[in-house]
Amino acid sequence: MTSFTDSRRLVVVREEEQNDRMKTFIFKGEGHTLGNALRTLILKNPDVVFCGYTIPHPSENKLHLRIETKEMSAVDALRDGLEQLQSLSDHVLETFEAAVADYKSKQMDT
């Protein structure tokens, strides 16, 4: 297992079998919000066989995300999921900001 004395926020667990298609990633300082969103998006990838996450203990501020794929590497599946989450977050923010601006302009008219 990897030591957590360093300041990295994402660590890939060393596993007995070095298989690029099966990896566990540990996100420090993250919880169910990121875990559930990433799991949902990653599972939409047809190459992903399994994706799940755990919070090992409530007193530890860590998220363990496990990804298993058919052909692509687990790192690529994670990267794709993170990019999709970023795109989705950007869209939500833009939509929210447009709605707030629209609301404020209507308030000025009245």
Protein backbone atom coordinates (compact mmCIF):
# COMPACT_ATOMS: atom_id res chain seq x y z
CA MET A 1 0.00 0.00 0.00
CA THR A 2 1.15 3.52 -0.68
CA SER A 3 2.26 5.84 2.13
CA PHE A 4 0.14 8.93 2.75
CA THR A 5 2.91 11.14 4.09
CA ASP A 6 3.20 13.01 0.80
CA SER A 7 0.95 15.85 -0.30
CA ARG A 8 -0.52 14.23 -3.43
CA ARG A 9 -4.31 14.25 -3.62
CA LEU A 10 -4.52 11.20 -5.91
CA VAL A 11 -2.59 7.98 -5.37
CA VAL A 12 -2.71 4.74 -7.36
CA VAL A 13 -2.55 1.74 -5.05
CA ARG A 14 0.23 -0.70 -5.74
CA GLU A 15 -1.34 -4.04 -6.40
CA GLU A 16 0.04 -7.56 -6.43
CA GLU A 17 -0.75 -7.99 -10.09
CA GLN A 18 0.42 -5.17 -12.34
CA ASN A 19 -2.58 -5.03 -14.66
CA ASP A 20 -3.35 -1.71 -16.34
CA ARG A 21 -7.01 -2.66 -16.68
CA MET A 22 -7.63 -3.08 -12.92
CA LYS A 23 -6.68 -0.24 -10.59
CA THR A 24 -7.70 1.30 -7.29
CA PHE A 25 -7.26 5.05 -6.97
CA ILE A 26 -7.24 6.87 -3.63
CA PHE A 27 -8.41 10.48 -3.57
CA LYS A 28 -7.43 12.32 -0.40
CA GLY A 29 -9.83 14.96 0.84
CA GLU A 30 -12.78 13.64 -1.18
CA GLY A 31 -15.99 11.86 -0.28
CA HIS A 32 -19.33 10.63 -1.57
CA THR A 33 -20.01 13.68 -3.76
CA LEU A 34 -17.06 13.02 -6.06
CA GLY A 35 -17.26 9.23 -5.67
CA ASN A 36 -20.86 8.87 -6.75
CA ALA A 37 -20.56 11.35 -9.63
CA LEU A 38 -17.39 9.71 -11.00
CA ARG A 39 -18.76 6.19 -10.57
CA THR A 40 -21.92 7.11 -12.47
CA LEU A 41 -20.05 8.69 -15.39
CA ILE A 42 -17.34 6.01 -15.61
CA LEU A 43 -19.94 3.21 -15.67
CA LYS A 44 -21.46 4.74 -18.83
CA ASN A 45 -18.27 3.79 -20.69
CA PRO A 46 -19.00 0.49 -22.51
CA ASP A 47 -15.41 -0.70 -21.93
CA VAL A 48 -15.79 -0.48 -18.14
CA VAL A 49 -16.63 -3.80 -16.48
CA PHE A 50 -16.71 -2.53 -12.88
CA CYS A 51 -16.49 0.80 -11.11
CA GLY A 52 -17.21 1.29 -7.44
CA TYR A 53 -16.06 3.39 -4.55
CA THR A 54 -15.80 3.19 -0.79
CA ILE A 55 -15.05 5.53 2.04
CA PRO A 56 -13.03 3.13 4.22
CA HIS A 57 -13.76 4.86 7.53
CA PRO A 58 -15.69 8.02 8.42
CA SER A 59 -12.73 9.45 10.32
CA GLU A 60 -10.44 9.11 7.28
CA ASN A 61 -10.92 11.72 4.61
CA LYS A 62 -10.22 9.34 1.69
CA LEU A 63 -12.14 7.93 -1.25
CA HIS A 64 -11.13 4.59 -2.79
CA LEU A 65 -12.27 4.25 -6.42
CA ARG A 66 -11.88 0.86 -8.14
CA ILE A 67 -12.03 0.57 -11.95
CA GLU A 68 -11.85 -2.58 -14.06
CA THR A 69 -12.02 -2.47 -17.86
CA LYS A 70 -12.09 -4.83 -20.86
CA GLU A 71 -9.45 -3.25 -23.13
CA MET A 72 -8.60 0.34 -22.21
CA SER A 73 -6.44 1.15 -19.19
CA ALA A 74 -8.13 2.01 -15.92
CA VAL A 75 -6.19 5.30 -15.89
CA ASP A 76 -7.72 6.24 -19.26
CA ALA A 77 -11.20 5.35 -17.97
CA LEU A 78 -10.61 7.58 -14.93
CA ARG A 79 -9.29 10.41 -17.13
CA ASP A 80 -12.37 10.17 -19.40
CA GLY A 81 -14.67 10.22 -16.37
CA LEU A 82 -12.92 13.26 -14.89
CA GLU A 83 -13.11 15.09 -18.22
CA GLN A 84 -16.83 14.31 -18.52
CA LEU A 85 -17.40 15.50 -14.95
CA GLN A 86 -15.53 18.75 -15.69
CA SER A 87 -17.61 19.30 -18.84
CA LEU A 88 -20.85 18.57 -16.98
CA SER A 89 -19.86 20.91 -14.13
CA ASP A 90 -18.99 23.68 -16.60
CA HIS A 91 -22.39 23.27 -18.31
CA VAL A 92 -24.26 23.41 -14.98
CA LEU A 93 -22.34 26.53 -13.93
CA GLU A 94 -22.98 28.29 -17.26
CA THR A 95 -26.68 27.40 -17.14
CA PHE A 96 -26.97 28.64 -13.55
CA GLU A 97 -25.15 31.90 -14.28
CA ALA A 98 -27.36 32.53 -17.33
CA ALA A 99 -30.51 31.91 -15.27
CA VAL A 100 -29.32 34.29 -12.53
CA ALA A 101 -28.49 36.98 -15.10
CA ASP A 102 -31.92 36.51 -16.73
CA TYR A 103 -33.65 36.75 -13.36
CA LYS A 104 -31.74 39.90 -12.41
CA SER A 105 -32.52 41.57 -15.75
CA LYS A 106 -36.23 40.84 -15.29
CA GLN A 107 -36.10 42.31 -11.78
CA MET A 108 -34.55 45.53 -13.15
CA ASP A 109 -37.38 45.84 -15.70
CA THR A 110 -40.09 45.82 -13.04
